[in-house]
């Protein structure tokens, strides 16, 4: 795990790669990467990606997102049953917010949709991350897909 050591737990990792294939994207997210983009990214977009990840947000390029979605479309059953079982530790509100995070909504989007303060949304996300033992928002997206909370093609 990239961020498993407490000395580097606050480090944010952005993967810059030639290969934006589903296997690499999924493994990078599982390992704790906050973002995944291709080498062909324009310099302005690269700077924006670095700033996004530095703020603690997750970022996947369009190619990486398509690759990850294709991976999950091939799975009828969640690849890890324990993901579904792990969701029982979440409150209904945390599961609702996890679903919205999985659909790609920002904290502000979730705040507006659920009529909550951005601080409250962030608190729910942080509690869900703690309960699910993950350190990155992108890992929540993977859990949302793998547990069946969302499916490829679901709209925000």
C-alpha atoms as a PDB file:
ATOM      1  CA  UNK A   1       0.000   0.000   0.000  1.00  0.00           C
ATOM      2  CA  UNK A   2       1.444   3.342  -1.063  1.00  0.00           C
ATOM      3  CA  UNK A   3       0.182   5.203   1.981  1.00  0.00           C
ATOM      4  CA  UNK A   4       0.191   2.394   4.568  1.00  0.00           C
ATOM      5  CA  UNK A   5       3.214   3.668   6.483  1.00  0.00           C
ATOM      6  CA  UNK A   6       2.108   6.325   8.985  1.00  0.00           C
ATOM      7  CA  UNK A   7       5.099   8.463   8.006  1.00  0.00           C
ATOM      8  CA  UNK A   8       3.721   8.757   4.473  1.00  0.00           C
ATOM      9  CA  UNK A   9      -0.017   8.477   5.188  1.00  0.00           C
ATOM     10  CA  UNK A  10      -0.607  12.078   4.100  1.00  0.00           C
ATOM     11  CA  UNK A  11       1.298  11.675   0.842  1.00  0.00           C
ATOM     12  CA  UNK A  12      -0.880  12.013  -2.239  1.00  0.00           C
ATOM     13  CA  UNK A  13       0.126   9.933  -5.251  1.00  0.00           C
ATOM     14  CA  UNK A  14      -0.706  10.785  -8.855  1.00  0.00           C
ATOM     15  CA  UNK A  15       0.213   8.044 -11.323  1.00  0.00           C
ATOM     16  CA  UNK A  16       1.448   9.349 -14.684  1.00  0.00           C
ATOM     17  CA  UNK A  17       1.632   6.441 -17.100  1.00  0.00           C
ATOM     18  CA  UNK A  18       1.723   5.317 -20.688  1.00  0.00           C
ATOM     19  CA  UNK A  19      -0.640   2.434 -19.914  1.00  0.00           C
ATOM     20  CA  UNK A  20      -4.167   3.439 -18.872  1.00  0.00           C
ATOM     21  CA  UNK A  21      -5.505  -0.106 -18.758  1.00  0.00           C
ATOM     22  CA  UNK A  22      -8.074  -1.386 -16.293  1.00  0.00           C
ATOM     23  CA  UNK A  23      -5.732  -3.682 -14.394  1.00  0.00           C
ATOM     24  CA  UNK A  24      -3.188  -0.931 -13.729  1.00  0.00           C
ATOM     25  CA  UNK A  25      -5.850   1.598 -12.786  1.00  0.00           C
ATOM     26  CA  UNK A  26      -7.530  -0.790 -10.329  1.00  0.00           C
ATOM     27  CA  UNK A  27      -4.230  -1.830  -8.753  1.00  0.00           C
ATOM     28  CA  UNK A  28      -3.068   1.772  -8.397  1.00  0.00           C
ATOM     29  CA  UNK A  29      -6.292   2.716  -6.624  1.00  0.00           C
ATOM     30  CA  UNK A  30      -6.130  -0.327  -4.357  1.00  0.00           C
ATOM     31  CA  UNK A  31      -2.545   0.619  -3.525  1.00  0.00           C
ATOM     32  CA  UNK A  32      -3.663   4.086  -2.436  1.00  0.00           C
ATOM     33  CA  UNK A  33      -3.083   6.303  -5.466  1.00  0.00           C
ATOM     34  CA  UNK A  34      -5.234   9.424  -5.548  1.00  0.00           C
ATOM     35  CA  UNK A  35      -5.063   9.916  -9.285  1.00  0.00           C
ATOM     36  CA  UNK A  36      -4.233   8.188 -12.535  1.00  0.00           C
ATOM     37  CA  UNK A  37      -3.559   9.993 -15.836  1.00  0.00           C
ATOM     38  CA  UNK A  38      -1.812   9.304 -19.124  1.00  0.00           C
ATOM     39  CA  UNK A  39       1.522  10.670 -20.318  1.00  0.00           C
ATOM     40  CA  UNK A  40      -0.203  12.416 -23.201  1.00  0.00           C
ATOM     41  CA  UNK A  41      -1.914  14.835 -20.842  1.00  0.00           C
ATOM     42  CA  UNK A  42      -1.478  18.507 -21.762  1.00  0.00           C
ATOM     43  CA  UNK A  43       0.808  20.470 -19.417  1.00  0.00           C
ATOM     44  CA  UNK A  44      -2.106  22.611 -18.182  1.00  0.00           C
ATOM     45  CA  UNK A  45      -4.160  19.517 -17.429  1.00  0.00           C
ATOM     46  CA  UNK A  46      -1.183  17.946 -15.638  1.00  0.00           C
ATOM     47  CA  UNK A  47      -0.865  21.008 -13.381  1.00  0.00           C
ATOM     48  CA  UNK A  48      -4.614  20.869 -12.677  1.00  0.00           C
ATOM     49  CA  UNK A  49      -4.331  17.144 -11.891  1.00  0.00           C
ATOM     50  CA  UNK A  50      -1.491  17.763  -9.438  1.00  0.00           C
ATOM     51  CA  UNK A  51      -3.463  20.552  -7.753  1.00  0.00           C
ATOM     52  CA  UNK A  52      -6.588  18.366  -7.568  1.00  0.00           C
ATOM     53  CA  UNK A  53      -4.735  15.481  -5.931  1.00  0.00           C
ATOM     54  CA  UNK A  54      -2.860  17.852  -3.604  1.00  0.00           C
ATOM     55  CA  UNK A  55      -6.255  19.133  -2.348  1.00  0.00           C
ATOM     56  CA  UNK A  56      -7.118  15.572  -1.371  1.00  0.00           C
ATOM     57  CA  UNK A  57      -9.509  14.913  -4.225  1.00  0.00           C
ATOM     58  CA  UNK A  58      -9.411  11.904  -6.526  1.00  0.00           C
ATOM     59  CA  UNK A  59      -8.754  12.152 -10.240  1.00  0.00           C
ATOM     60  CA  UNK A  60      -8.976   9.639 -13.077  1.00  0.00           C
ATOM     61  CA  UNK A  61      -8.419  10.537 -16.710  1.00  0.00           C
ATOM     62  CA  UNK A  62     -11.276   9.848 -19.107  1.00  0.00           C
ATOM     63  CA  UNK A  63      -9.317   6.906 -20.544  1.00  0.00           C
ATOM     64  CA  UNK A  64      -8.627   5.469 -17.088  1.00  0.00           C
ATOM     65  CA  UNK A  65     -12.278   5.907 -16.119  1.00  0.00           C
ATOM     66  CA  UNK A  66     -13.443   4.069 -19.258  1.00  0.00           C
ATOM     67  CA  UNK A  67     -10.934   1.284 -18.586  1.00  0.00           C
ATOM     68  CA  UNK A  68     -12.083   0.925 -14.993  1.00  0.00           C
ATOM     69  CA  UNK A  69     -15.744   0.937 -15.994  1.00  0.00           C
ATOM     70  CA  UNK A  70     -15.100  -1.712 -18.647  1.00  0.00           C
ATOM     71  CA  UNK A  71     -13.452  -3.856 -15.980  1.00  0.00           C
ATOM     72  CA  UNK A  72     -16.530  -3.658 -13.755  1.00  0.00           C
ATOM     73  CA  UNK A  73     -18.940  -4.207 -16.646  1.00  0.00           C
ATOM     74  CA  UNK A  74     -17.290  -7.584 -17.192  1.00  0.00           C
ATOM     75  CA  UNK A  75     -18.082  -8.642 -13.617  1.00  0.00           C
ATOM     76  CA  UNK A  76     -21.621  -9.731 -12.897  1.00  0.00           C
ATOM     77  CA  UNK A  77     -20.824 -10.439  -9.269  1.00  0.00           C
ATOM     78  CA  UNK A  78     -18.638  -8.171  -7.176  1.00  0.00           C
ATOM     79  CA  UNK A  79     -15.073  -9.506  -7.346  1.00  0.00           C
ATOM     80  CA  UNK A  80     -14.736  -9.298  -3.575  1.00  0.00           C
ATOM     81  CA  UNK A  81     -17.705 -10.418  -1.555  1.00  0.00           C
ATOM     82  CA  UNK A  82     -16.133  -8.986   1.564  1.00  0.00           C
ATOM     83  CA  UNK A  83     -16.666  -5.513   0.062  1.00  0.00           C
ATOM     84  CA  UNK A  84     -20.418  -6.011   0.263  1.00  0.00           C
ATOM     85  CA  UNK A  85     -20.161  -7.369   3.790  1.00  0.00           C
ATOM     86  CA  UNK A  86     -17.946  -4.435   4.813  1.00  0.00           C
ATOM     87  CA  UNK A  87     -20.728  -1.976   3.984  1.00  0.00           C
ATOM     88  CA  UNK A  88     -22.726  -3.139   7.003  1.00  0.00           C
ATOM     89  CA  UNK A  89     -20.453  -1.009   9.208  1.00  0.00           C
ATOM     90  CA  UNK A  90     -21.737   2.144   7.489  1.00  0.00           C
ATOM     91  CA  UNK A  91     -24.810   4.079   8.521  1.00  0.00           C
ATOM     92  CA  UNK A  92     -27.533   4.487   5.887  1.00  0.00           C
ATOM     93  CA  UNK A  93     -26.420   8.121   5.357  1.00  0.00           C
ATOM     94  CA  UNK A  94     -22.779   7.021   4.889  1.00  0.00           C
ATOM     95  CA  UNK A  95     -23.907   4.426   2.333  1.00  0.00           C
ATOM     96  CA  UNK A  96     -25.947   7.070   0.536  1.00  0.00           C
ATOM     97  CA  UNK A  97     -22.945   9.397   0.415  1.00  0.00           C
ATOM     98  CA  UNK A  98     -20.663   6.521  -0.648  1.00  0.00           C
ATOM     99  CA  UNK A  99     -23.016   5.906  -3.565  1.00  0.00           C
ATOM    100  CA  UNK A 100     -22.827   9.550  -4.611  1.00  0.00           C
ATOM    101  CA  UNK A 101     -19.025   9.582  -4.266  1.00  0.00           C
ATOM    102  CA  UNK A 102     -18.963   6.474  -6.453  1.00  0.00           C
ATOM    103  CA  UNK A 103     -20.983   8.303  -9.083  1.00  0.00           C
ATOM    104  CA  UNK A 104     -18.340  10.999  -9.193  1.00  0.00           C
ATOM    105  CA  UNK A 105     -20.077  13.791  -7.310  1.00  0.00           C
ATOM    106  CA  UNK A 106     -17.936  16.321  -5.461  1.00  0.00           C
ATOM    107  CA  UNK A 107     -18.505  17.191  -1.817  1.00  0.00           C
ATOM    108  CA  UNK A 108     -20.247  20.399  -2.913  1.00  0.00           C
ATOM    109  CA  UNK A 109     -22.504  18.458  -5.307  1.00  0.00           C
ATOM    110  CA  UNK A 110     -23.414  15.990  -2.538  1.00  0.00           C
ATOM    111  CA  UNK A 111     -23.966  18.867  -0.115  1.00  0.00           C
ATOM    112  CA  UNK A 112     -26.436  20.537  -2.473  1.00  0.00           C
ATOM    113  CA  UNK A 113     -28.219  17.317  -3.391  1.00  0.00           C
ATOM    114  CA  UNK A 114     -28.706  16.164   0.216  1.00  0.00           C
ATOM    115  CA  UNK A 115     -29.152  19.646   1.714  1.00  0.00           C
ATOM    116  CA  UNK A 116     -26.187  19.178   4.058  1.00  0.00           C
ATOM    117  CA  UNK A 117     -23.269  21.447   4.778  1.00  0.00           C
ATOM    118  CA  UNK A 118     -20.034  20.629   2.932  1.00  0.00           C
ATOM    119  CA  UNK A 119     -18.433  20.046   6.348  1.00  0.00           C
ATOM    120  CA  UNK A 120     -21.078  17.442   7.225  1.00  0.00           C
ATOM    121  CA  UNK A 121     -20.541  15.678   3.893  1.00  0.00           C
ATOM    122  CA  UNK A 122     -16.783  15.625   4.472  1.00  0.00           C
ATOM    123  CA  UNK A 123     -17.342  14.224   7.977  1.00  0.00           C
ATOM    124  CA  UNK A 124     -19.512  11.389   6.602  1.00  0.00           C
ATOM    125  CA  UNK A 125     -16.909  10.612   3.933  1.00  0.00           C
ATOM    126  CA  UNK A 126     -14.076  10.581   6.471  1.00  0.00           C
ATOM    127  CA  UNK A 127     -16.055   8.292   8.789  1.00  0.00           C
ATOM    128  CA  UNK A 128     -16.830   5.930   5.896  1.00  0.00           C
ATOM    129  CA  UNK A 129     -13.149   5.884   4.914  1.00  0.00           C
ATOM    130  CA  UNK A 130     -12.159   5.085   8.505  1.00  0.00           C
ATOM    131  CA  UNK A 131     -14.762   2.331   8.860  1.00  0.00           C
ATOM    132  CA  UNK A 132     -13.803   0.810   5.487  1.00  0.00           C
ATOM    133  CA  UNK A 133     -10.091   1.178   6.274  1.00  0.00           C
ATOM    134  CA  UNK A 134      -9.203   3.128   3.144  1.00  0.00           C
ATOM    135  CA  UNK A 135      -7.136   6.272   2.830  1.00  0.00           C
ATOM    136  CA  UNK A 136      -8.216   7.674  -0.539  1.00  0.00           C
ATOM    137  CA  UNK A 137     -11.518   8.833  -1.987  1.00  0.00           C
ATOM    138  CA  UNK A 138     -10.766   6.867  -5.161  1.00  0.00           C
ATOM    139  CA  UNK A 139     -10.783   3.685  -3.088  1.00  0.00           C
ATOM    140  CA  UNK A 140     -14.355   4.524  -2.053  1.00  0.00           C
ATOM    141  CA  UNK A 141     -15.288   4.616  -5.738  1.00  0.00           C
ATOM    142  CA  UNK A 142     -13.860   1.123  -6.217  1.00  0.00           C
ATOM    143  CA  UNK A 143     -15.745  -0.160  -3.163  1.00  0.00           C
ATOM    144  CA  UNK A 144     -18.972   1.401  -4.442  1.00  0.00           C
ATOM    145  CA  UNK A 145     -18.554  -0.470  -7.749  1.00  0.00           C
ATOM    146  CA  UNK A 146     -17.359  -3.731  -6.268  1.00  0.00           C
ATOM    147  CA  UNK A 147     -20.127  -3.829  -3.675  1.00  0.00           C
ATOM    148  CA  UNK A 148     -22.814  -3.179  -6.284  1.00  0.00           C
ATOM    149  CA  UNK A 149     -23.930   0.170  -4.830  1.00  0.00           C
ATOM    150  CA  UNK A 150     -23.414   1.576  -8.295  1.00  0.00           C
ATOM    151  CA  UNK A 151     -23.084   0.066 -11.720  1.00  0.00           C
ATOM    152  CA  UNK A 152     -21.309   1.353 -14.816  1.00  0.00           C
ATOM    153  CA  UNK A 153     -23.588   3.755 -16.591  1.00  0.00           C
ATOM    154  CA  UNK A 154     -25.348   4.976 -13.422  1.00  0.00           C
ATOM    155  CA  UNK A 155     -25.914   8.693 -13.673  1.00  0.00           C
ATOM    156  CA  UNK A 156     -25.187  11.196 -10.930  1.00  0.00           C
END
